[in-house]
């Protein structure tokens, strides 16, 4: 029980406390990193291990400098600011939404857990990591249950292809908005017009924002939406 609450530097002594705390930092990074790796998320197993391990080592070095009369808080403060740059690099903005905020927040939290290990509290760090993994699992289930999963809707575009130029514009819009369209069916209809049918998610606003771009195109003469059978 002492290992869960007390400072390992006091309980184990040097050098065993350093080895145990480094191991605890690696374990913490592995627990969260494996979960993110399984979900194919940015900042996976290797990144999380390096974040917790690096934060722990910097905190240990800060403590060694304090023993020699240095300021213990200086390196720790630089970890907080430095990890912010790493988190900012994980955030991406496309034409639909901002992505990577959860990854950036996870990097921030894991750096804090690594610092906790470096300060000597490996037990609380591991316990917090398990609690964090459980919390993320519960939040994912709540989001899927109450915020609703994607469901497919079918949309048909009737447009003047103008020798293929309109099709190129449509493809560019679908690519810009990262639309996972599934199977696309394209047929020629009367009056020289072309008909294109595709599937998309109609459950979330950012998944159907591309329809506004289609509505603004004078080449598109009609847009018909029909709810699919797979909800």
Protein backbone atom coordinates (compact mmCIF):
# COMPACT_ATOMS: atom_id res chain seq x y z
CA UNK A 1 0.00 0.00 0.00
CA UNK A 2 2.92 2.34 0.64
CA UNK A 3 3.95 2.06 -3.02
CA UNK A 4 0.55 3.42 -4.07
CA UNK A 5 0.68 6.56 -1.95
CA UNK A 6 4.23 7.37 -0.83
CA UNK A 7 7.24 8.80 -2.60
CA UNK A 8 9.31 6.00 -4.13
CA UNK A 9 12.53 7.96 -3.74
CA UNK A 10 12.06 7.70 0.02
CA UNK A 11 10.76 4.12 0.06
CA UNK A 12 13.24 2.50 -2.35
CA UNK A 13 16.24 4.76 -2.31
CA UNK A 14 18.71 5.37 -5.12
CA UNK A 15 19.25 3.86 -7.67
CA UNK A 16 16.27 1.49 -7.37
CA UNK A 17 13.73 4.29 -7.15
CA UNK A 18 14.90 5.72 -10.49
CA UNK A 19 14.63 2.34 -12.20
CA UNK A 20 11.18 1.73 -10.73
CA UNK A 21 9.92 5.18 -11.69
CA UNK A 22 11.24 4.88 -15.24
CA UNK A 23 9.44 1.54 -15.50
CA UNK A 24 6.25 3.11 -14.14
CA UNK A 25 6.47 5.89 -16.76
CA UNK A 26 6.88 3.32 -19.53
CA UNK A 27 3.91 1.32 -18.19
CA UNK A 28 1.73 4.44 -18.11
CA UNK A 29 2.64 5.33 -21.68
CA UNK A 30 2.02 1.75 -22.79
CA UNK A 31 -1.45 1.57 -21.23
CA UNK A 32 -2.76 4.68 -22.99
CA UNK A 33 -0.66 4.31 -26.14
CA UNK A 34 -1.86 0.75 -26.79
CA UNK A 35 -5.49 1.89 -26.56
CA UNK A 36 -4.89 4.71 -29.04
CA UNK A 37 -2.85 2.47 -31.33
CA UNK A 38 -5.75 0.01 -31.40
CA UNK A 39 -8.10 2.78 -32.51
CA UNK A 40 -5.60 3.97 -35.15
CA UNK A 41 -5.29 7.41 -33.52
CA UNK A 42 -2.40 9.87 -33.81
CA UNK A 43 0.19 9.75 -31.02
CA UNK A 44 0.04 6.01 -30.50
CA UNK A 45 2.10 3.56 -28.48
CA UNK A 46 5.62 4.84 -29.17
CA UNK A 47 4.64 8.50 -28.88
CA UNK A 48 2.91 8.05 -25.50
CA UNK A 49 5.82 6.05 -24.08
CA UNK A 50 8.29 8.72 -25.18
CA UNK A 51 6.13 11.52 -23.75
CA UNK A 52 5.78 9.94 -20.29
CA UNK A 53 9.39 8.75 -20.23
CA UNK A 54 10.78 12.11 -21.36
CA UNK A 55 8.67 14.04 -18.84
CA UNK A 56 9.75 11.70 -16.05
CA UNK A 57 13.45 12.01 -16.95
CA UNK A 58 13.30 15.80 -17.15
CA UNK A 59 11.60 15.92 -13.75
CA UNK A 60 14.27 13.64 -12.27
CA UNK A 61 17.03 15.84 -13.69
CA UNK A 62 15.26 18.85 -12.21
CA UNK A 63 15.38 17.17 -8.81
CA UNK A 64 19.10 16.44 -9.18
CA UNK A 65 19.78 20.09 -9.99
CA UNK A 66 17.82 21.09 -6.89
CA UNK A 67 20.08 18.87 -4.78
CA UNK A 68 23.03 20.90 -6.08
CA UNK A 69 21.39 24.17 -5.12
CA UNK A 70 19.53 24.82 -8.39
CA UNK A 71 15.92 25.85 -8.92
CA UNK A 72 13.81 22.70 -9.03
CA UNK A 73 10.86 24.37 -10.73
CA UNK A 74 12.67 25.71 -13.81
CA UNK A 75 12.91 22.47 -15.81
CA UNK A 76 9.43 21.37 -14.75
CA UNK A 77 8.01 24.67 -16.00
CA UNK A 78 9.76 24.20 -19.34
CA UNK A 79 8.20 20.74 -19.70
CA UNK A 80 4.73 22.30 -19.45
CA UNK A 81 5.47 24.92 -22.10
CA UNK A 82 7.41 22.55 -24.33
CA UNK A 83 4.69 19.90 -24.38
CA UNK A 84 2.32 22.62 -25.58
CA UNK A 85 4.28 22.90 -28.83
CA UNK A 86 4.08 19.13 -29.28
CA UNK A 87 0.33 19.20 -28.71
CA UNK A 88 -0.10 22.09 -31.15
CA UNK A 89 1.64 20.02 -33.80
CA UNK A 90 -0.99 17.31 -33.41
CA UNK A 91 -3.86 19.72 -34.20
CA UNK A 92 -4.89 19.88 -37.85
CA UNK A 93 -7.45 22.13 -39.54
CA UNK A 94 -9.13 21.18 -42.78
CA UNK A 95 -12.02 22.68 -44.71
CA UNK A 96 -14.59 20.95 -42.52
CA UNK A 97 -13.39 20.98 -38.91
CA UNK A 98 -10.48 21.08 -36.50
CA UNK A 99 -9.04 17.67 -35.73
CA UNK A 100 -6.51 16.45 -33.17
CA UNK A 101 -7.74 18.34 -30.10
CA UNK A 102 -8.24 15.09 -28.18
CA UNK A 103 -4.74 13.96 -29.15
CA UNK A 104 -3.26 17.28 -28.01
CA UNK A 105 -5.11 17.05 -24.69
CA UNK A 106 -3.94 13.45 -24.26
CA UNK A 107 -0.32 14.51 -24.83
CA UNK A 108 -0.75 17.21 -22.19
CA UNK A 109 -2.21 14.79 -19.62
CA UNK A 110 0.38 12.09 -20.27
CA UNK A 111 3.17 14.62 -19.79
CA UNK A 112 1.66 15.44 -16.39
CA UNK A 113 1.57 11.73 -15.50
CA UNK A 114 5.21 11.41 -16.58
CA UNK A 115 6.13 14.33 -14.34
CA UNK A 116 4.33 12.62 -11.48
CA UNK A 117 6.49 9.56 -12.03
CA UNK A 118 9.63 11.68 -12.14
CA UNK A 119 8.65 13.34 -8.86
CA UNK A 120 8.64 9.91 -7.17
CA UNK A 121 4.93 9.03 -7.16
CA UNK A 122 4.85 6.06 -9.51
CA UNK A 123 1.92 4.39 -7.75
CA UNK A 124 -0.51 7.32 -8.14
CA UNK A 125 0.70 7.78 -11.73
CA UNK A 126 -0.15 4.19 -12.69
CA UNK A 127 -3.48 4.40 -10.86
CA UNK A 128 -4.37 7.64 -12.64
CA UNK A 129 -3.46 6.08 -15.98
CA UNK A 130 -5.84 3.16 -15.40
CA UNK A 131 -8.53 5.64 -14.34
CA UNK A 132 -7.91 7.71 -17.48
CA UNK A 133 -8.22 4.64 -19.72
CA UNK A 134 -11.49 3.70 -18.03
CA UNK A 135 -12.80 7.25 -18.38
CA UNK A 136 -11.98 7.36 -22.09
CA UNK A 137 -13.71 4.01 -22.61
CA UNK A 138 -16.85 5.20 -20.82
CA UNK A 139 -16.91 8.51 -22.69
CA UNK A 140 -16.60 6.72 -26.01
CA UNK A 141 -19.57 4.52 -25.16
CA UNK A 142 -21.63 7.52 -24.03
CA UNK A 143 -20.81 9.43 -27.23
CA UNK A 144 -21.74 6.48 -29.43
CA UNK A 145 -24.96 5.86 -27.52
CA UNK A 146 -26.33 9.36 -26.96
CA UNK A 147 -24.72 11.52 -29.64
CA UNK A 148 -25.61 8.99 -32.27
CA UNK A 149 -23.58 7.05 -34.82
CA UNK A 150 -23.41 7.95 -38.49
CA UNK A 151 -26.21 6.76 -40.71
CA UNK A 152 -26.16 6.71 -44.47
CA UNK A 153 -28.27 8.90 -46.72
CA UNK A 154 -28.36 8.76 -50.49
CA UNK A 155 -28.09 11.93 -52.56
CA UNK A 156 -28.58 12.26 -56.32
CA UNK A 157 -27.12 15.15 -58.29
CA UNK A 158 -28.41 16.12 -61.72
CA UNK A 159 -25.96 18.38 -63.51
CA UNK A 160 -24.55 19.61 -66.79
CA UNK A 161 -21.20 17.85 -67.02
CA UNK A 162 -19.76 20.33 -69.55
CA UNK A 163 -17.38 17.86 -71.04
CA UNK A 164 -16.32 16.43 -67.69
CA UNK A 165 -15.45 19.75 -66.05
CA UNK A 166 -18.33 19.59 -63.58
CA UNK A 167 -17.36 16.06 -62.52
CA UNK A 168 -13.87 17.32 -61.73
CA UNK A 169 -15.32 20.11 -59.54
CA UNK A 170 -17.57 17.63 -57.72
CA UNK A 171 -14.66 15.26 -57.08
CA UNK A 172 -12.57 18.15 -55.71
CA UNK A 173 -15.35 19.17 -53.29
CA UNK A 174 -15.77 15.60 -52.06
CA UNK A 175 -12.01 15.36 -51.51
CA UNK A 176 -11.78 18.74 -49.74
CA UNK A 177 -14.54 17.79 -47.31
CA UNK A 178 -13.18 14.27 -46.74
CA UNK A 179 -16.51 12.74 -47.72
CA UNK A 180 -16.54 8.95 -47.39
CA UNK A 181 -19.01 8.46 -50.22
CA UNK A 182 -18.96 4.71 -50.64
CA UNK A 183 -20.17 3.54 -54.07
CA UNK A 184 -20.82 6.28 -56.65
CA UNK A 185 -23.20 5.61 -59.54
CA UNK A 186 -23.15 7.87 -62.58
CA UNK A 187 -25.63 7.79 -65.47
CA UNK A 188 -26.52 9.96 -68.45
CA UNK A 189 -30.09 11.27 -68.49
CA UNK A 190 -32.16 13.25 -70.94
CA UNK A 191 -31.42 16.80 -72.16
CA UNK A 192 -27.68 16.19 -72.04
CA UNK A 193 -27.60 16.09 -68.23
CA UNK A 194 -25.70 13.66 -66.01
CA UNK A 195 -26.99 11.98 -62.88
CA UNK A 196 -24.67 11.00 -60.01
CA UNK A 197 -25.78 9.09 -56.91
CA UNK A 198 -23.61 8.74 -53.81
CA UNK A 199 -23.91 7.84 -50.12
CA UNK A 200 -22.86 10.02 -47.20
CA UNK A 201 -23.53 10.50 -43.46
CA UNK A 202 -26.55 12.71 -42.75
CA UNK A 203 -26.33 12.45 -38.94
CA UNK A 204 -23.68 15.08 -38.25
CA UNK A 205 -23.46 18.65 -39.52
CA UNK A 206 -19.79 18.53 -40.55
CA UNK A 207 -20.42 15.36 -42.59
CA UNK A 208 -23.00 17.06 -44.82
CA UNK A 209 -21.55 20.56 -45.11
CA UNK A 210 -20.38 19.79 -48.64
CA UNK A 211 -24.00 19.89 -49.88
CA UNK A 212 -23.95 23.68 -49.53
CA UNK A 213 -21.11 23.80 -52.04
CA UNK A 214 -23.15 21.72 -54.48
CA UNK A 215 -26.16 24.03 -53.99
CA UNK A 216 -23.99 27.02 -54.99
CA UNK A 217 -22.85 25.44 -58.29
CA UNK A 218 -24.93 26.68 -61.28
CA UNK A 219 -23.98 23.53 -63.20
CA UNK A 220 -25.99 21.39 -60.76
CA UNK A 221 -29.64 21.55 -61.77
CA UNK A 222 -31.20 19.41 -59.03
CA UNK A 223 -30.32 17.71 -55.74
CA UNK A 224 -32.45 14.81 -54.47
CA UNK A 225 -31.87 13.24 -51.06
CA UNK A 226 -33.27 9.91 -49.96
CA UNK A 227 -32.79 8.19 -46.62
CA UNK A 228 -30.91 4.94 -46.93
CA UNK A 229 -31.84 1.64 -45.32
CA UNK A 230 -28.67 1.37 -43.19
CA UNK A 231 -29.11 3.56 -40.11
